[in-house]
Amino acid sequence: MQENKEHLIRFCARLLELLLDMTVTLIVSASHSGKTIRIIKRFAKSYGFDVYLMMQTKSVILTLTYADDHSIQHTAIRHIPDLALNFYFQNMLSRLSWYVHDNPVELAVLEAKYREIIAARRYPFFFTLIAAALANMGFCRLFGGDFYALLFVFLGTAIAFYCRSIFHKLEIHHLVSIVLTAFLSSLTAGCTVLFSLGSTASIALATSVLFLIPGVPLLNALIEILEGHVLNGIEKLIYSCTVIVCIALGLLFTLVILGIENL
């Protein structure tokens, strides 16, 4: 009996570490609170445990309790890195939770499957860069941009995207990085105004920073509030508004440097 309890205690601690890793992965991948809680609870329930999650902007607290003996309990806290949107991780962990729920597996197998998911090959950096530039160019065309507007929006987005990766490696503060990225992208697009290229220079300038808009955090903020996770929703909303202000600052610096008052 005592040996069995000690085994459960060790198992609980091991499962807790794995679930914490999964929770952080989901949050960093921009999964909203409700979805994250459902997935983690599904994993825990599959092994006979109850779970309590408390999520904040920079940390997560997880308590794991054995359903048949509440004296077997572990709590841990983990820091949350900056967001890195990844729908693949969200989708695969959700599918894995249902698989484990319907087909109980050894914890070692679950750990192996999780490591396999997070080790999945990602798109090459320059492929992502070109895709982002093309997408932002598409926004410009959607709003009526002409050839020169499309060209400079594409170049501006590509240059800013590349420089942003350098800012990240240099560990420049995230919000400062947003300001600089918006400035570089809009400054490049501002060449259409400076040299009077085309007839839609204002559209080029306005759409040059759209790739930085935090669309997913804004949507998640609304979902969080509607699902009752009001504090988390407000935190995400404030973060999103702060990013938008930083984008506006970068665009403002471009307007000041180029001497643009009216478009």
Protein backbone atom coordinates (compact mmCIF):
# COMPACT_ATOMS: atom_id res chain seq x y z
CA MET A 1 0.00 0.00 0.00
CA GLN A 2 2.77 2.42 1.00
CA GLU A 3 4.85 1.44 -2.02
CA ASN A 4 1.87 2.01 -4.30
CA LYS A 5 1.36 5.50 -2.84
CA GLU A 6 5.03 6.36 -3.28
CA HIS A 7 4.79 5.20 -6.88
CA LEU A 8 1.75 7.45 -7.43
CA ILE A 9 3.60 10.41 -5.89
CA ARG A 10 6.53 9.93 -8.25
CA PHE A 11 4.15 9.43 -11.17
CA CYS A 12 2.27 12.61 -10.22
CA ALA A 13 5.48 14.67 -10.16
CA ARG A 14 6.56 13.28 -13.53
CA LEU A 15 3.14 13.88 -15.12
CA LEU A 16 3.09 17.40 -13.66
CA GLU A 17 6.34 18.34 -15.41
CA LEU A 18 5.07 17.00 -18.72
CA LEU A 19 1.74 18.81 -18.43
CA LEU A 20 3.55 22.03 -17.53
CA ASP A 21 5.66 21.69 -20.68
CA MET A 22 2.51 21.14 -22.74
CA THR A 23 0.76 24.09 -21.10
CA VAL A 24 3.64 26.45 -21.86
CA THR A 25 3.82 25.15 -25.43
CA LEU A 26 0.11 25.83 -25.93
CA ILE A 27 0.23 29.30 -24.38
CA VAL A 28 3.32 30.32 -26.37
CA SER A 29 1.60 29.01 -29.51
CA ALA A 30 -1.23 31.53 -28.76
CA SER A 31 -3.85 29.05 -27.59
CA HIS A 32 -6.55 30.82 -25.58
CA SER A 33 -7.11 29.89 -21.93
CA GLY A 34 -10.28 27.84 -22.42
CA LYS A 35 -8.70 25.65 -25.08
CA THR A 36 -5.50 25.19 -23.07
CA ILE A 37 -7.40 24.17 -19.93
CA ARG A 38 -9.60 21.68 -21.84
CA ILE A 39 -6.59 19.98 -23.44
CA ILE A 40 -4.56 19.75 -20.23
CA LYS A 41 -7.56 18.50 -18.21
CA ARG A 42 -8.15 15.84 -20.84
CA PHE A 43 -4.57 14.61 -20.48
CA ALA A 44 -4.75 14.61 -16.67
CA LYS A 45 -8.12 12.84 -16.55
CA SER A 46 -6.74 10.07 -18.76
CA TYR A 47 -4.36 9.14 -15.93
CA GLY A 48 -6.86 9.60 -13.10
CA PHE A 49 -5.80 13.07 -12.00
CA ASP A 50 -7.57 16.39 -11.53
CA VAL A 51 -5.82 19.56 -12.60
CA TYR A 52 -6.05 23.22 -11.64
CA LEU A 53 -4.50 25.84 -13.91
CA MET A 54 -3.83 29.48 -13.16
CA MET A 55 -2.50 31.36 -16.18
CA GLN A 56 -1.03 34.84 -16.30
CA THR A 57 0.85 36.78 -18.95
CA LYS A 58 4.32 35.67 -17.85
CA SER A 59 3.72 32.60 -15.68
CA VAL A 60 1.50 29.57 -15.23
CA ILE A 61 0.73 27.64 -12.03
CA LEU A 62 -0.42 24.03 -12.28
CA THR A 63 -1.68 21.82 -9.45
CA LEU A 64 -2.13 18.10 -10.07
CA THR A 65 -4.20 16.00 -7.64
CA TYR A 66 -4.90 12.27 -7.70
CA ALA A 67 -8.68 11.89 -8.00
CA ASP A 68 -8.91 8.96 -5.54
CA ASP A 69 -6.51 10.36 -2.93
CA HIS A 70 -6.23 14.14 -2.54
CA SER A 71 -3.17 13.74 -0.32
CA ILE A 72 -1.24 12.94 -3.51
CA GLN A 73 -0.77 16.41 -4.89
CA HIS A 74 1.95 18.45 -6.58
CA THR A 75 2.11 22.12 -7.58
CA ALA A 76 4.62 23.85 -9.84
CA ILE A 77 5.06 27.20 -11.55
CA ARG A 78 6.67 27.91 -14.90
CA HIS A 79 7.76 31.05 -16.75
CA ILE A 80 6.12 31.74 -20.13
CA PRO A 81 8.40 32.97 -22.96
CA ASP A 82 7.26 35.43 -25.64
CA LEU A 83 4.48 34.38 -28.01
CA ALA A 84 5.37 32.41 -31.13
CA LEU A 85 2.16 31.65 -33.02
CA ASN A 86 2.00 27.99 -34.04
CA PHE A 87 -1.34 26.41 -34.95
CA TYR A 88 0.40 23.09 -35.67
CA PHE A 89 1.34 22.62 -32.01
CA GLN A 90 -2.18 23.53 -30.90
CA ASN A 91 -3.81 21.12 -33.33
CA MET A 92 -1.45 18.20 -32.70
CA LEU A 93 -1.63 18.48 -28.90
CA SER A 94 -5.42 18.61 -29.06
CA ARG A 95 -5.48 15.49 -31.25
CA LEU A 96 -2.99 13.77 -28.94
CA SER A 97 -5.14 14.53 -25.88
CA TRP A 98 -8.14 12.86 -27.52
CA TYR A 99 -6.01 9.90 -28.57
CA VAL A 100 -4.73 9.38 -25.01
CA HIS A 101 -8.26 9.89 -23.65
CA ASP A 102 -9.63 7.11 -25.88
CA ASN A 103 -6.53 4.89 -25.89
CA PRO A 104 -4.66 4.97 -22.55
CA VAL A 105 -0.89 4.77 -23.06
CA GLU A 106 2.14 4.63 -20.81
CA LEU A 107 3.47 7.99 -19.69
CA ALA A 108 6.76 7.30 -21.45
CA VAL A 109 4.87 6.88 -24.73
CA LEU A 110 3.05 10.18 -24.17
CA GLU A 111 6.35 11.92 -23.46
CA ALA A 112 7.83 10.50 -26.65
CA LYS A 113 4.85 11.61 -28.74
CA TYR A 114 5.03 15.12 -27.25
CA ARG A 115 8.76 15.40 -28.00
CA GLU A 116 8.04 14.23 -31.53
CA ILE A 117 5.45 16.99 -32.01
CA ILE A 118 7.64 19.85 -30.76
CA ALA A 119 10.61 18.55 -32.75
CA ALA A 120 8.66 18.75 -36.01
CA ARG A 121 10.50 20.47 -38.83
CA ARG A 122 9.51 24.12 -39.28
CA TYR A 123 9.34 26.16 -42.44
CA PRO A 124 12.70 27.67 -43.48
CA PHE A 125 13.13 31.28 -42.34
CA PHE A 126 13.34 32.76 -45.82
CA PHE A 127 10.23 30.85 -46.91
CA THR A 128 8.36 32.48 -44.03
CA LEU A 129 9.87 35.86 -44.91
CA ILE A 130 8.72 35.66 -48.54
CA ALA A 131 5.28 34.40 -47.49
CA ALA A 132 4.84 37.30 -45.04
CA ALA A 133 5.97 39.82 -47.67
CA LEU A 134 3.59 38.38 -50.26
CA ALA A 135 0.72 38.38 -47.77
CA ASN A 136 1.31 42.01 -46.85
CA MET A 137 1.59 42.89 -50.53
CA GLY A 138 -1.78 41.19 -50.95
CA PHE A 139 -3.25 43.53 -48.31
CA CYS A 140 -1.87 46.46 -50.27
CA ARG A 141 -3.48 45.22 -53.47
CA LEU A 142 -6.74 44.58 -51.63
CA PHE A 143 -6.88 48.28 -50.70
CA GLY A 144 -6.13 49.37 -54.28
CA GLY A 145 -2.35 49.70 -54.35
CA ASP A 146 -0.68 50.09 -57.75
CA PHE A 147 2.53 48.45 -59.01
CA TYR A 148 4.94 50.75 -57.14
CA ALA A 149 2.95 50.44 -53.93
CA LEU A 150 3.01 46.64 -54.19
CA LEU A 151 6.72 46.59 -54.93
CA PHE A 152 7.77 48.79 -52.02
CA VAL A 153 5.38 47.14 -49.56
CA PHE A 154 6.91 43.79 -50.51
CA LEU A 155 10.46 45.13 -50.08
CA GLY A 156 9.62 46.94 -46.86
CA THR A 157 8.00 43.88 -45.30
CA ALA A 158 10.89 41.63 -46.32
CA ILE A 159 13.52 44.03 -44.95
CA ALA A 160 11.62 44.64 -41.71
CA PHE A 161 10.93 40.92 -41.20
CA TYR A 162 14.61 40.11 -41.61
CA CYS A 163 15.72 42.90 -39.29
CA ARG A 164 13.17 41.81 -36.70
CA SER A 165 14.87 38.40 -36.53
CA ILE A 166 18.17 40.20 -35.89
CA PHE A 167 16.57 42.28 -33.14
CA HIS A 168 15.36 39.05 -31.55
CA LYS A 169 18.85 37.53 -31.64
CA LEU A 170 20.25 40.71 -30.08
CA GLU A 171 17.61 40.32 -27.34
CA ILE A 172 16.20 43.79 -27.93
CA HIS A 173 13.01 44.37 -25.95
CA HIS A 174 9.99 43.03 -27.80
CA LEU A 175 8.10 46.34 -27.90
CA VAL A 176 11.17 48.29 -29.02
CA SER A 177 11.60 45.68 -31.74
CA ILE A 178 8.02 46.32 -32.90
CA VAL A 179 8.67 50.09 -33.12
CA LEU A 180 11.86 49.58 -35.13
CA THR A 181 10.26 46.98 -37.41
CA ALA A 182 7.29 49.25 -38.15
CA PHE A 183 9.67 52.14 -38.79
CA LEU A 184 11.81 50.17 -41.27
CA SER A 185 8.82 48.78 -43.14
CA SER A 186 7.01 52.13 -43.39
CA LEU A 187 10.23 53.99 -44.26
CA THR A 188 10.79 51.67 -47.23
CA ALA A 189 7.18 52.06 -48.36
CA GLY A 190 7.54 55.82 -47.81
CA CYS A 191 9.92 55.95 -50.76
CA THR A 192 6.83 55.97 -52.97
CA VAL A 193 5.88 59.28 -51.35
CA LEU A 194 9.41 60.69 -51.29
CA PHE A 195 10.03 60.02 -54.98
CA SER A 196 6.39 60.44 -56.15
CA LEU A 197 6.17 56.89 -57.46
CA GLY A 198 2.72 55.82 -58.55
CA SER A 199 -0.59 57.26 -57.48
CA THR A 200 -1.29 55.17 -54.36
CA ALA A 201 1.64 56.11 -52.13
CA SER A 202 -0.65 56.64 -49.16
CA ILE A 203 -1.97 53.09 -49.47
CA ALA A 204 1.58 51.72 -49.56
CA LEU A 205 2.47 53.61 -46.40
CA ALA A 206 -0.68 52.60 -44.55
CA THR A 207 -0.50 48.90 -45.43
CA SER A 208 3.25 48.51 -44.91
CA VAL A 209 2.80 47.76 -41.20
CA LEU A 210 -0.29 45.54 -41.33
CA PHE A 211 1.76 42.34 -40.95
CA LEU A 212 2.59 43.47 -37.40
CA ILE A 213 -1.01 43.81 -36.24
CA PRO A 214 -1.59 41.29 -33.36
CA GLY A 215 -4.72 39.73 -34.81
CA VAL A 216 -4.59 36.45 -32.88
CA PRO A 217 -4.06 38.07 -29.44
CA LEU A 218 -6.96 40.44 -30.17
CA LEU A 219 -9.25 37.53 -31.08
CA ASN A 220 -8.06 35.54 -28.07
CA ALA A 221 -8.77 38.52 -25.80
CA LEU A 222 -12.39 38.55 -26.97
CA ILE A 223 -12.71 34.75 -26.58
CA GLU A 224 -11.19 34.88 -23.09
CA ILE A 225 -13.66 37.54 -21.93
CA LEU A 226 -16.64 35.70 -23.43
CA GLU A 227 -15.57 32.43 -21.77
CA GLY A 228 -15.23 34.09 -18.36
CA HIS A 229 -11.43 34.37 -18.23
CA VAL A 230 -11.84 38.12 -17.88
CA LEU A 231 -8.46 38.91 -16.32
CA ASN A 232 -6.55 36.96 -18.97
CA GLY A 233 -8.67 38.59 -21.67
CA ILE A 234 -7.96 42.09 -20.37
CA GLU A 235 -4.23 41.30 -20.15
CA LYS A 236 -4.19 40.16 -23.80
CA LEU A 237 -6.24 43.18 -24.84
CA ILE A 238 -3.85 45.59 -23.12
CA TYR A 239 -0.87 43.79 -24.67
CA SER A 240 -2.46 44.00 -28.14
CA CYS A 241 -3.23 47.71 -27.71
CA THR A 242 0.36 48.31 -26.58
CA VAL A 243 1.68 46.59 -29.72
CA ILE A 244 -0.64 48.71 -31.89
CA VAL A 245 0.65 51.88 -30.19
CA CYS A 246 4.23 50.73 -30.90
CA ILE A 247 3.33 50.18 -34.57
CA ALA A 248 1.83 53.67 -34.70
CA LEU A 249 5.02 55.11 -33.17
CA GLY A 250 7.16 53.45 -35.85
CA LEU A 251 4.89 54.85 -38.55
CA LEU A 252 4.98 58.28 -36.89
CA PHE A 253 8.79 58.35 -36.96
CA THR A 254 8.65 57.69 -40.70
CA LEU A 255 6.19 60.52 -41.27
CA VAL A 256 8.36 62.91 -39.26
CA ILE A 257 11.61 61.93 -41.01
CA LEU A 258 10.07 62.15 -44.48
CA GLY A 259 8.28 65.38 -43.61
CA ILE A 260 4.89 64.01 -44.53
CA GLU A 261 1.97 65.96 -43.08
CA ASN A 262 -0.92 65.11 -45.37
CA LEU A 263 -1.40 62.21 -47.79
